[in-house]
C-alpha cells in the first residue's frame, strides 16, 4: 500500500518516518512493561504482548483495505514467494535484489548485538538505569531519522547510503570502546542514528525498484531478506563472540554467558560487507541514462 501511494521523490521522507516504528514499539514495551520484566513475570509479559499483537492484527484485517490498483496474481501464496526467489526474477530486477542484499547485510549486523543489548548494559556495564539509556537513545535516533527524510530525497538514496553506513559503523566502534552511562548514551545515539539512517534509504530503494503490480510480492521478499535471514544468522554470530568470555549469570535457573563488547566489533565486521551491494547500486545509478 505504501509503495502504491508514494513516488520516488518522497519515499525517503516516508521511509524515515516508517523506520522509527520499531523504535517506538521498543519504547512502549520497555516503558510500559519493564516492571514485569524486572519482576521476572515473563509469562504475563508475553501474554500481554501477544494479546496486543493479536488485537492489532484483527483491527488491521478490517481497517486496512487494498487499493483499486492492486493486481492479484494467480497461483497462490507459495508460487508468489517462489517467483521472487527464482534466478530469472533476480536477473530481471538487479537493482531490487542489490537493495535487498544490502538490507540483509544491515539486518545481520543489527541482529549480532540487538538480542544481547539490554543484558550487555545490565550485566557487563552494570548500568541499572538501562531504561533511561534506551529512552534517550531511541528518542534522539527517531528524531534524527525523521529530520533526515528530506535530505535523503534531496541528495539521493544511493548517494546517502554509504555516508549513513559510516555513521552506523562509527557508532558500533564507539559502543565497543565506551564505558559508563553518559558515554554509552552518546555512543548509542550515534549508533542508533546510523542504524536508522541506513534503514530509510534501503527501504525506499526497495520500493523504487519494485516491479509494477508486484509490490506485495516484494514485501514478502523483504520479510525473507530483512527478517528471516538476519534473525537466523545474526544472533549466532553474536553468540559465537560471547562464548568462552568467562563471565556468566543465572536467569530463570539457566546459566548464560554475559555479552561482551566484541558483539559490536562482529556487527561492524558484518556491516563492512554492505559496501558490495552499495557500490554496485552506485555504479548502476551512475551508468543509467539520465
C-alpha atoms as a PDB file:
ATOM      1  CA  UNK A   1       0.000   0.000   0.000  1.00  0.00           C
ATOM      2  CA  UNK A   2       2.809   2.446   0.924  1.00  0.00           C
ATOM      3  CA  UNK A   3       4.571   1.685  -2.355  1.00  0.00           C
ATOM      4  CA  UNK A   4       1.372   2.410  -4.277  1.00  0.00           C
ATOM      5  CA  UNK A   5       0.661   5.779  -2.634  1.00  0.00           C
ATOM      6  CA  UNK A   6       4.221   7.141  -2.776  1.00  0.00           C
ATOM      7  CA  UNK A   7       6.609   8.157  -5.550  1.00  0.00           C
ATOM      8  CA  UNK A   8      10.430   8.027  -5.681  1.00  0.00           C
ATOM      9  CA  UNK A   9      10.629  11.755  -4.918  1.00  0.00           C
ATOM     10  CA  UNK A  10       9.079  11.404  -1.448  1.00  0.00           C
ATOM     11  CA  UNK A  11       9.926   7.862  -0.366  1.00  0.00           C
ATOM     12  CA  UNK A  12      12.970   8.959   1.617  1.00  0.00           C
ATOM     13  CA  UNK A  13      10.732  11.078   3.842  1.00  0.00           C
ATOM     14  CA  UNK A  14       8.127   8.350   4.155  1.00  0.00           C
ATOM     15  CA  UNK A  15      10.649   5.625   4.999  1.00  0.00           C
ATOM     16  CA  UNK A  16      12.416   7.853   7.532  1.00  0.00           C
ATOM     17  CA  UNK A  17       9.120   8.023   9.437  1.00  0.00           C
ATOM     18  CA  UNK A  18       8.210   4.357   8.970  1.00  0.00           C
ATOM     19  CA  UNK A  19      11.681   3.356  10.168  1.00  0.00           C
ATOM     20  CA  UNK A  20      11.040   4.742  13.652  1.00  0.00           C
ATOM     21  CA  UNK A  21       8.049   2.466  14.242  1.00  0.00           C
ATOM     22  CA  UNK A  22      10.153  -0.413  15.670  1.00  0.00           C
ATOM     23  CA  UNK A  23      11.907   2.054  17.979  1.00  0.00           C
ATOM     24  CA  UNK A  24       8.595   3.490  19.146  1.00  0.00           C
ATOM     25  CA  UNK A  25       7.366  -0.036  19.856  1.00  0.00           C
ATOM     26  CA  UNK A  26      10.512  -0.729  21.897  1.00  0.00           C
ATOM     27  CA  UNK A  27       9.887   2.422  23.930  1.00  0.00           C
ATOM     28  CA  UNK A  28       6.286   1.406  24.566  1.00  0.00           C
ATOM     29  CA  UNK A  29       7.254  -2.118  25.615  1.00  0.00           C
ATOM     30  CA  UNK A  30      10.146  -1.170  27.864  1.00  0.00           C
ATOM     31  CA  UNK A  31       8.430   1.917  29.216  1.00  0.00           C
ATOM     32  CA  UNK A  32       5.093   0.270  29.878  1.00  0.00           C
ATOM     33  CA  UNK A  33       6.051  -3.298  30.754  1.00  0.00           C
ATOM     34  CA  UNK A  34       9.593  -3.119  32.138  1.00  0.00           C
ATOM     35  CA  UNK A  35       8.178  -3.702  35.633  1.00  0.00           C
ATOM     36  CA  UNK A  36       7.042  -7.175  34.562  1.00  0.00           C
ATOM     37  CA  UNK A  37      10.489  -7.997  33.215  1.00  0.00           C
ATOM     38  CA  UNK A  38      12.186  -6.767  36.386  1.00  0.00           C
ATOM     39  CA  UNK A  39       9.829  -8.873  38.496  1.00  0.00           C
ATOM     40  CA  UNK A  40      10.637 -11.923  36.383  1.00  0.00           C
ATOM     41  CA  UNK A  41       6.980 -12.346  35.431  1.00  0.00           C
ATOM     42  CA  UNK A  42       7.787 -13.392  31.883  1.00  0.00           C
ATOM     43  CA  UNK A  43       4.663 -15.482  31.379  1.00  0.00           C
ATOM     44  CA  UNK A  44       2.370 -12.491  31.918  1.00  0.00           C
ATOM     45  CA  UNK A  45       4.751 -10.274  29.921  1.00  0.00           C
ATOM     46  CA  UNK A  46       4.496 -12.444  26.793  1.00  0.00           C
ATOM     47  CA  UNK A  47       0.772 -12.990  27.221  1.00  0.00           C
ATOM     48  CA  UNK A  48       0.153  -9.236  27.318  1.00  0.00           C
ATOM     49  CA  UNK A  49       2.393  -8.553  24.311  1.00  0.00           C
ATOM     50  CA  UNK A  50       0.804 -11.435  22.409  1.00  0.00           C
ATOM     51  CA  UNK A  51      -2.708 -10.147  23.089  1.00  0.00           C
ATOM     52  CA  UNK A  52      -1.736  -6.650  21.925  1.00  0.00           C
ATOM     53  CA  UNK A  53      -0.329  -8.062  18.673  1.00  0.00           C
ATOM     54  CA  UNK A  54      -3.398 -10.231  18.110  1.00  0.00           C
ATOM     55  CA  UNK A  55      -5.751  -7.298  18.613  1.00  0.00           C
ATOM     56  CA  UNK A  56      -3.678  -5.143  16.250  1.00  0.00           C
ATOM     57  CA  UNK A  57      -3.798  -7.895  13.625  1.00  0.00           C
ATOM     58  CA  UNK A  58      -7.571  -8.259  13.881  1.00  0.00           C
ATOM     59  CA  UNK A  59      -8.086  -4.492  13.615  1.00  0.00           C
ATOM     60  CA  UNK A  60      -5.773  -4.337  10.583  1.00  0.00           C
ATOM     61  CA  UNK A  61      -7.746  -7.143   8.919  1.00  0.00           C
ATOM     62  CA  UNK A  62     -10.865  -4.970   8.949  1.00  0.00           C
ATOM     63  CA  UNK A  63      -9.373  -1.476   8.653  1.00  0.00           C
ATOM     64  CA  UNK A  64      -6.610  -1.882   6.048  1.00  0.00           C
ATOM     65  CA  UNK A  65      -8.029  -2.205   2.548  1.00  0.00           C
ATOM     66  CA  UNK A  66      -6.350  -2.938  -0.779  1.00  0.00           C
ATOM     67  CA  UNK A  67      -6.449  -0.081  -3.214  1.00  0.00           C
ATOM     68  CA  UNK A  68      -8.245  -0.436  -6.552  1.00  0.00           C
ATOM     69  CA  UNK A  69      -4.915  -0.668  -8.370  1.00  0.00           C
ATOM     70  CA  UNK A  70      -3.914  -3.912  -6.650  1.00  0.00           C
ATOM     71  CA  UNK A  71      -3.276  -6.716  -9.151  1.00  0.00           C
ATOM     72  CA  UNK A  72      -3.991 -10.238  -7.917  1.00  0.00           C
ATOM     73  CA  UNK A  73      -1.770 -12.898  -9.440  1.00  0.00           C
ATOM     74  CA  UNK A  74      -2.817 -16.483  -9.927  1.00  0.00           C
ATOM     75  CA  UNK A  75      -1.082 -19.421  -8.324  1.00  0.00           C
ATOM     76  CA  UNK A  76      -1.415 -18.707  -4.620  1.00  0.00           C
ATOM     77  CA  UNK A  77       0.997 -17.554  -1.951  1.00  0.00           C
ATOM     78  CA  UNK A  78       3.695 -20.196  -2.338  1.00  0.00           C
ATOM     79  CA  UNK A  79       4.040 -19.589  -6.058  1.00  0.00           C
ATOM     80  CA  UNK A  80       4.309 -15.845  -5.411  1.00  0.00           C
ATOM     81  CA  UNK A  81       7.139 -16.362  -2.927  1.00  0.00           C
ATOM     82  CA  UNK A  82       8.987 -18.819  -5.159  1.00  0.00           C
ATOM     83  CA  UNK A  83       8.646 -16.432  -8.115  1.00  0.00           C
ATOM     84  CA  UNK A  84      10.661 -13.805  -6.261  1.00  0.00           C
ATOM     85  CA  UNK A  85      13.453 -16.254  -5.440  1.00  0.00           C
ATOM     86  CA  UNK A  86      13.919 -17.513  -8.988  1.00  0.00           C
ATOM     87  CA  UNK A  87      17.192 -16.572 -10.765  1.00  0.00           C
ATOM     88  CA  UNK A  88      15.160 -15.210 -13.683  1.00  0.00           C
ATOM     89  CA  UNK A  89      13.402 -12.737 -11.384  1.00  0.00           C
ATOM     90  CA  UNK A  90      16.760 -11.650  -9.953  1.00  0.00           C
ATOM     91  CA  UNK A  91      18.243 -11.104 -13.408  1.00  0.00           C
ATOM     92  CA  UNK A  92      15.199  -9.076 -14.438  1.00  0.00           C
ATOM     93  CA  UNK A  93      15.390  -6.803 -11.371  1.00  0.00           C
ATOM     94  CA  UNK A  94      19.058  -6.395 -10.382  1.00  0.00           C
ATOM     95  CA  UNK A  95      18.500  -3.102  -8.549  1.00  0.00           C
ATOM     96  CA  UNK A  96      15.828  -4.643  -6.347  1.00  0.00           C
ATOM     97  CA  UNK A  97      17.976  -7.581  -5.298  1.00  0.00           C
ATOM     98  CA  UNK A  98      21.020  -5.417  -4.682  1.00  0.00           C
ATOM     99  CA  UNK A  99      18.895  -3.302  -2.344  1.00  0.00           C
ATOM    100  CA  UNK A 100      17.542  -6.441  -0.643  1.00  0.00           C
ATOM    101  CA  UNK A 101      21.104  -7.779  -0.297  1.00  0.00           C
ATOM    102  CA  UNK A 102      22.157  -4.518   1.364  1.00  0.00           C
ATOM    103  CA  UNK A 103      19.149  -4.795   3.676  1.00  0.00           C
ATOM    104  CA  UNK A 104      20.110  -8.362   4.585  1.00  0.00           C
ATOM    105  CA  UNK A 105      23.686  -7.377   5.465  1.00  0.00           C
ATOM    106  CA  UNK A 106      22.412  -4.464   7.564  1.00  0.00           C
ATOM    107  CA  UNK A 107      19.909  -6.773   9.250  1.00  0.00           C
ATOM    108  CA  UNK A 108      22.518  -9.411  10.119  1.00  0.00           C
ATOM    109  CA  UNK A 109      24.746  -6.684  11.541  1.00  0.00           C
ATOM    110  CA  UNK A 110      21.978  -5.386  13.805  1.00  0.00           C
ATOM    111  CA  UNK A 111      20.959  -8.867  14.960  1.00  0.00           C
ATOM    112  CA  UNK A 112      24.509  -9.603  16.108  1.00  0.00           C
ATOM    113  CA  UNK A 113      24.114  -7.201  19.051  1.00  0.00           C
ATOM    114  CA  UNK A 114      20.423  -6.277  19.448  1.00  0.00           C
ATOM    115  CA  UNK A 115      19.312  -9.531  21.143  1.00  0.00           C
ATOM    116  CA  UNK A 116      22.043  -9.039  23.748  1.00  0.00           C
ATOM    117  CA  UNK A 117      21.961  -5.258  24.155  1.00  0.00           C
ATOM    118  CA  UNK A 118      19.962  -4.949  27.380  1.00  0.00           C
ATOM    119  CA  UNK A 119      21.853  -7.808  29.031  1.00  0.00           C
ATOM    120  CA  UNK A 120      25.108  -6.134  27.979  1.00  0.00           C
ATOM    121  CA  UNK A 121      24.034  -2.873  29.603  1.00  0.00           C
ATOM    122  CA  UNK A 122      22.916  -4.619  32.787  1.00  0.00           C
ATOM    123  CA  UNK A 123      25.461  -7.379  33.267  1.00  0.00           C
ATOM    124  CA  UNK A 124      28.645  -6.159  31.593  1.00  0.00           C
ATOM    125  CA  UNK A 125      28.448  -2.385  32.025  1.00  0.00           C
ATOM    126  CA  UNK A 126      26.489  -2.638  35.312  1.00  0.00           C
ATOM    127  CA  UNK A 127      24.095   0.124  34.262  1.00  0.00           C
ATOM    128  CA  UNK A 128      20.917  -0.388  36.274  1.00  0.00           C
ATOM    129  CA  UNK A 129      19.100   2.508  34.621  1.00  0.00           C
ATOM    130  CA  UNK A 130      19.216   0.895  31.197  1.00  0.00           C
ATOM    131  CA  UNK A 131      15.639   2.045  30.542  1.00  0.00           C
ATOM    132  CA  UNK A 132      16.832   5.651  30.736  1.00  0.00           C
ATOM    133  CA  UNK A 133      19.680   4.889  28.336  1.00  0.00           C
ATOM    134  CA  UNK A 134      17.293   3.270  25.853  1.00  0.00           C
ATOM    135  CA  UNK A 135      14.746   6.079  26.146  1.00  0.00           C
ATOM    136  CA  UNK A 136      17.263   8.852  25.448  1.00  0.00           C
ATOM    137  CA  UNK A 137      18.981   6.958  22.635  1.00  0.00           C
ATOM    138  CA  UNK A 138      15.823   5.785  20.884  1.00  0.00           C
ATOM    139  CA  UNK A 139      14.008   9.125  21.081  1.00  0.00           C
ATOM    140  CA  UNK A 140      17.037  11.002  19.750  1.00  0.00           C
ATOM    141  CA  UNK A 141      17.642   8.460  16.961  1.00  0.00           C
ATOM    142  CA  UNK A 142      13.971   8.644  15.973  1.00  0.00           C
ATOM    143  CA  UNK A 143      14.174  12.430  15.736  1.00  0.00           C
ATOM    144  CA  UNK A 144      17.336  12.181  13.598  1.00  0.00           C
ATOM    145  CA  UNK A 145      15.583   9.709  11.297  1.00  0.00           C
ATOM    146  CA  UNK A 146      12.540  11.937  10.758  1.00  0.00           C
ATOM    147  CA  UNK A 147      14.656  15.036  10.143  1.00  0.00           C
ATOM    148  CA  UNK A 148      16.872  13.176   7.645  1.00  0.00           C
ATOM    149  CA  UNK A 149      13.966  12.289   5.350  1.00  0.00           C
ATOM    150  CA  UNK A 150      14.076  15.418   3.226  1.00  0.00           C
ATOM    151  CA  UNK A 151      17.867  15.188   2.954  1.00  0.00           C
ATOM    152  CA  UNK A 152      17.606  11.613   1.653  1.00  0.00           C
ATOM    153  CA  UNK A 153      15.222  12.727  -1.100  1.00  0.00           C
ATOM    154  CA  UNK A 154      17.349  15.775  -1.926  1.00  0.00           C
ATOM    155  CA  UNK A 155      20.739  14.032  -2.024  1.00  0.00           C
ATOM    156  CA  UNK A 156      19.512  10.750  -3.471  1.00  0.00           C
ATOM    157  CA  UNK A 157      19.012   7.424  -1.729  1.00  0.00           C
ATOM    158  CA  UNK A 158      22.043   5.674  -3.200  1.00  0.00           C
ATOM    159  CA  UNK A 159      24.388   8.613  -2.543  1.00  0.00           C
ATOM    160  CA  UNK A 160      23.082   8.885   1.011  1.00  0.00           C
ATOM    161  CA  UNK A 161      23.570   5.206   1.806  1.00  0.00           C
ATOM    162  CA  UNK A 162      27.360   4.909   2.170  1.00  0.00           C
ATOM    163  CA  UNK A 163      27.760   8.009   4.431  1.00  0.00           C
ATOM    164  CA  UNK A 164      24.938   6.600   6.564  1.00  0.00           C
ATOM    165  CA  UNK A 165      26.815   3.293   6.796  1.00  0.00           C
ATOM    166  CA  UNK A 166      29.879   5.207   8.006  1.00  0.00           C
ATOM    167  CA  UNK A 167      27.816   6.836  10.785  1.00  0.00           C
ATOM    168  CA  UNK A 168      26.416   3.472  11.834  1.00  0.00           C
ATOM    169  CA  UNK A 169      29.856   1.849  11.763  1.00  0.00           C
ATOM    170  CA  UNK A 170      31.308   4.699  13.819  1.00  0.00           C
ATOM    171  CA  UNK A 171      28.585   4.169  16.408  1.00  0.00           C
ATOM    172  CA  UNK A 172      29.369   0.444  16.611  1.00  0.00           C
ATOM    173  CA  UNK A 173      33.059   1.220  17.147  1.00  0.00           C
ATOM    174  CA  UNK A 174      32.200   3.759  19.861  1.00  0.00           C
ATOM    175  CA  UNK A 175      29.953   1.249  21.635  1.00  0.00           C
ATOM    176  CA  UNK A 176      32.877  -1.177  21.690  1.00  0.00           C
ATOM    177  CA  UNK A 177      35.104   1.438  23.321  1.00  0.00           C
ATOM    178  CA  UNK A 178      32.844   3.318  25.728  1.00  0.00           C
ATOM    179  CA  UNK A 179      32.045   2.601  29.369  1.00  0.00           C
ATOM    180  CA  UNK A 180      29.807   4.458  31.804  1.00  0.00           C
ATOM    181  CA  UNK A 181      26.243   5.668  31.435  1.00  0.00           C
ATOM    182  CA  UNK A 182      26.812   9.083  29.806  1.00  0.00           C
ATOM    183  CA  UNK A 183      29.448   7.942  27.267  1.00  0.00           C
ATOM    184  CA  UNK A 184      27.279   4.943  26.369  1.00  0.00           C
ATOM    185  CA  UNK A 185      24.296   7.229  25.772  1.00  0.00           C
ATOM    186  CA  UNK A 186      26.416   9.392  23.442  1.00  0.00           C
ATOM    187  CA  UNK A 187      27.783   6.337  21.590  1.00  0.00           C
ATOM    188  CA  UNK A 188      24.330   4.798  21.468  1.00  0.00           C
ATOM    189  CA  UNK A 189      22.885   7.917  19.865  1.00  0.00           C
ATOM    190  CA  UNK A 190      25.496   7.755  17.093  1.00  0.00           C
ATOM    191  CA  UNK A 191      24.968   4.023  16.605  1.00  0.00           C
ATOM    192  CA  UNK A 192      21.167   4.037  16.560  1.00  0.00           C
ATOM    193  CA  UNK A 193      21.015   7.212  14.463  1.00  0.00           C
ATOM    194  CA  UNK A 194      23.244   5.499  11.913  1.00  0.00           C
ATOM    195  CA  UNK A 195      21.065   2.400  12.258  1.00  0.00           C
ATOM    196  CA  UNK A 196      18.044   4.479  11.192  1.00  0.00           C
ATOM    197  CA  UNK A 197      19.914   6.457   8.527  1.00  0.00           C
ATOM    198  CA  UNK A 198      20.867   3.206   6.757  1.00  0.00           C
ATOM    199  CA  UNK A 199      17.415   1.667   7.023  1.00  0.00           C
ATOM    200  CA  UNK A 200      15.468   4.580   5.495  1.00  0.00           C
ATOM    201  CA  UNK A 201      17.235   4.786   2.088  1.00  0.00           C
ATOM    202  CA  UNK A 202      17.368   0.993   1.731  1.00  0.00           C
ATOM    203  CA  UNK A 203      13.636   0.700   2.377  1.00  0.00           C
ATOM    204  CA  UNK A 204      12.947   3.477  -0.112  1.00  0.00           C
ATOM    205  CA  UNK A 205      15.182   1.845  -2.748  1.00  0.00           C
ATOM    206  CA  UNK A 206      13.321  -1.457  -2.407  1.00  0.00           C
ATOM    207  CA  UNK A 207      10.071   0.390  -3.113  1.00  0.00           C
ATOM    208  CA  UNK A 208      11.642   2.269  -6.048  1.00  0.00           C
ATOM    209  CA  UNK A 209      12.812  -0.978  -7.651  1.00  0.00           C
ATOM    210  CA  UNK A 210       9.594  -2.932  -7.003  1.00  0.00           C
ATOM    211  CA  UNK A 211       8.207  -4.239 -10.347  1.00  0.00           C
ATOM    212  CA  UNK A 212       4.811  -2.781 -11.279  1.00  0.00           C
ATOM    213  CA  UNK A 213       1.960  -4.822  -9.863  1.00  0.00           C
ATOM    214  CA  UNK A 214       4.220  -6.834  -7.554  1.00  0.00           C
ATOM    215  CA  UNK A 215       4.616  -4.538  -4.544  1.00  0.00           C
ATOM    216  CA  UNK A 216       3.011  -7.151  -2.301  1.00  0.00           C
ATOM    217  CA  UNK A 217       5.357  -9.867  -3.548  1.00  0.00           C
ATOM    218  CA  UNK A 218       8.335  -7.603  -2.874  1.00  0.00           C
ATOM    219  CA  UNK A 219       7.175  -7.045   0.689  1.00  0.00           C
ATOM    220  CA  UNK A 220       7.196 -10.830   1.062  1.00  0.00           C
ATOM    221  CA  UNK A 221      10.778 -10.909  -0.194  1.00  0.00           C
ATOM    222  CA  UNK A 222      11.539  -8.122   2.251  1.00  0.00           C
ATOM    223  CA  UNK A 223      10.465 -10.423   5.087  1.00  0.00           C
ATOM    224  CA  UNK A 224      12.916 -13.053   3.851  1.00  0.00           C
ATOM    225  CA  UNK A 225      15.906 -10.759   3.321  1.00  0.00           C
ATOM    226  CA  UNK A 226      15.310  -8.259   6.147  1.00  0.00           C
ATOM    227  CA  UNK A 227      13.826 -10.516   8.851  1.00  0.00           C
ATOM    228  CA  UNK A 228      14.289 -14.258   8.261  1.00  0.00           C
ATOM    229  CA  UNK A 229      17.938 -14.321   7.159  1.00  0.00           C
ATOM    230  CA  UNK A 230      19.197 -11.721   9.684  1.00  0.00           C
ATOM    231  CA  UNK A 231      17.396 -13.376  12.612  1.00  0.00           C
ATOM    232  CA  UNK A 232      18.801 -16.774  11.651  1.00  0.00           C
ATOM    233  CA  UNK A 233      22.398 -15.632  11.143  1.00  0.00           C
ATOM    234  CA  UNK A 234      22.966 -12.563  13.350  1.00  0.00           C
ATOM    235  CA  UNK A 235      22.281 -13.986  16.835  1.00  0.00           C
ATOM    236  CA  UNK A 236      24.508 -16.996  16.152  1.00  0.00           C
ATOM    237  CA  UNK A 237      27.394 -14.705  15.251  1.00  0.00           C
ATOM    238  CA  UNK A 238      26.796 -12.755  18.447  1.00  0.00           C
ATOM    239  CA  UNK A 239      26.671 -15.970  20.475  1.00  0.00           C
ATOM    240  CA  UNK A 240      29.916 -17.147  18.877  1.00  0.00           C
ATOM    241  CA  UNK A 241      31.641 -13.976  20.091  1.00  0.00           C
ATOM    242  CA  UNK A 242      30.217 -14.304  23.595  1.00  0.00           C
ATOM    243  CA  UNK A 243      31.051 -17.995  24.046  1.00  0.00           C
ATOM    244  CA  UNK A 244      34.068 -18.516  26.283  1.00  0.00           C
ATOM    245  CA  UNK A 245      34.079 -14.913  27.537  1.00  0.00           C
ATOM    246  CA  UNK A 246      34.438 -16.224  31.075  1.00  0.00           C
ATOM    247  CA  UNK A 247      31.657 -14.302  32.826  1.00  0.00           C
ATOM    248  CA  UNK A 248      28.260 -15.869  33.388  1.00  0.00           C
ATOM    249  CA  UNK A 249      24.952 -15.094  35.077  1.00  0.00           C
ATOM    250  CA  UNK A 250      21.894 -17.102  36.023  1.00  0.00           C
ATOM    251  CA  UNK A 251      18.485 -16.329  34.533  1.00  0.00           C
ATOM    252  CA  UNK A 252      15.411 -18.434  35.385  1.00  0.00           C
ATOM    253  CA  UNK A 253      17.671 -21.212  36.592  1.00  0.00           C
ATOM    254  CA  UNK A 254      19.782 -21.271  33.437  1.00  0.00           C
ATOM    255  CA  UNK A 255      23.454 -20.256  33.418  1.00  0.00           C
ATOM    256  CA  UNK A 256      24.189 -17.936  30.494  1.00  0.00           C
ATOM    257  CA  UNK A 257      27.186 -16.067  29.107  1.00  0.00           C
ATOM    258  CA  UNK A 258      27.449 -12.327  29.736  1.00  0.00           C
ATOM    259  CA  UNK A 259      27.646 -10.419  26.423  1.00  0.00           C
ATOM    260  CA  UNK A 260      30.954  -8.648  25.816  1.00  0.00           C
ATOM    261  CA  UNK A 261      31.915  -5.578  23.709  1.00  0.00           C
ATOM    262  CA  UNK A 262      33.031  -7.982  20.994  1.00  0.00           C
ATOM    263  CA  UNK A 263      29.443  -8.165  19.718  1.00  0.00           C
ATOM    264  CA  UNK A 264      29.835  -4.634  18.374  1.00  0.00           C
ATOM    265  CA  UNK A 265      33.079  -5.473  16.580  1.00  0.00           C
ATOM    266  CA  UNK A 266      31.426  -8.500  14.999  1.00  0.00           C
ATOM    267  CA  UNK A 267      28.499  -6.314  13.926  1.00  0.00           C
ATOM    268  CA  UNK A 268      30.968  -3.855  12.398  1.00  0.00           C
ATOM    269  CA  UNK A 269      32.782  -6.649  10.556  1.00  0.00           C
ATOM    270  CA  UNK A 270      29.491  -7.801   9.032  1.00  0.00           C
ATOM    271  CA  UNK A 271      28.495  -4.240   8.157  1.00  0.00           C
ATOM    272  CA  UNK A 272      31.622  -3.807   6.023  1.00  0.00           C
ATOM    273  CA  UNK A 273      30.110  -6.309   3.575  1.00  0.00           C
ATOM    274  CA  UNK A 274      27.332  -3.842   2.737  1.00  0.00           C
ATOM    275  CA  UNK A 275      29.889  -1.993   0.609  1.00  0.00           C
ATOM    276  CA  UNK A 276      29.490  -4.648  -2.111  1.00  0.00           C
ATOM    277  CA  UNK A 277      25.782  -4.073  -2.925  1.00  0.00           C
ATOM    278  CA  UNK A 278      26.021  -0.363  -2.053  1.00  0.00           C
ATOM    279  CA  UNK A 279      28.844   0.257  -4.533  1.00  0.00           C
ATOM    280  CA  UNK A 280      27.048  -1.847  -7.156  1.00  0.00           C
ATOM    281  CA  UNK A 281      23.926   0.284  -6.683  1.00  0.00           C
ATOM    282  CA  UNK A 282      26.032   3.437  -7.017  1.00  0.00           C
ATOM    283  CA  UNK A 283      27.599   2.216 -10.269  1.00  0.00           C
ATOM    284  CA  UNK A 284      24.209   1.184 -11.579  1.00  0.00           C
ATOM    285  CA  UNK A 285      22.801   4.629 -10.846  1.00  0.00           C
ATOM    286  CA  UNK A 286      25.751   6.407 -12.466  1.00  0.00           C
ATOM    287  CA  UNK A 287      25.548   4.176 -15.540  1.00  0.00           C
ATOM    288  CA  UNK A 288      21.805   4.656 -16.015  1.00  0.00           C
ATOM    289  CA  UNK A 289      20.641   7.138 -18.625  1.00  0.00           C
ATOM    290  CA  UNK A 290      19.615  10.497 -17.236  1.00  0.00           C
END
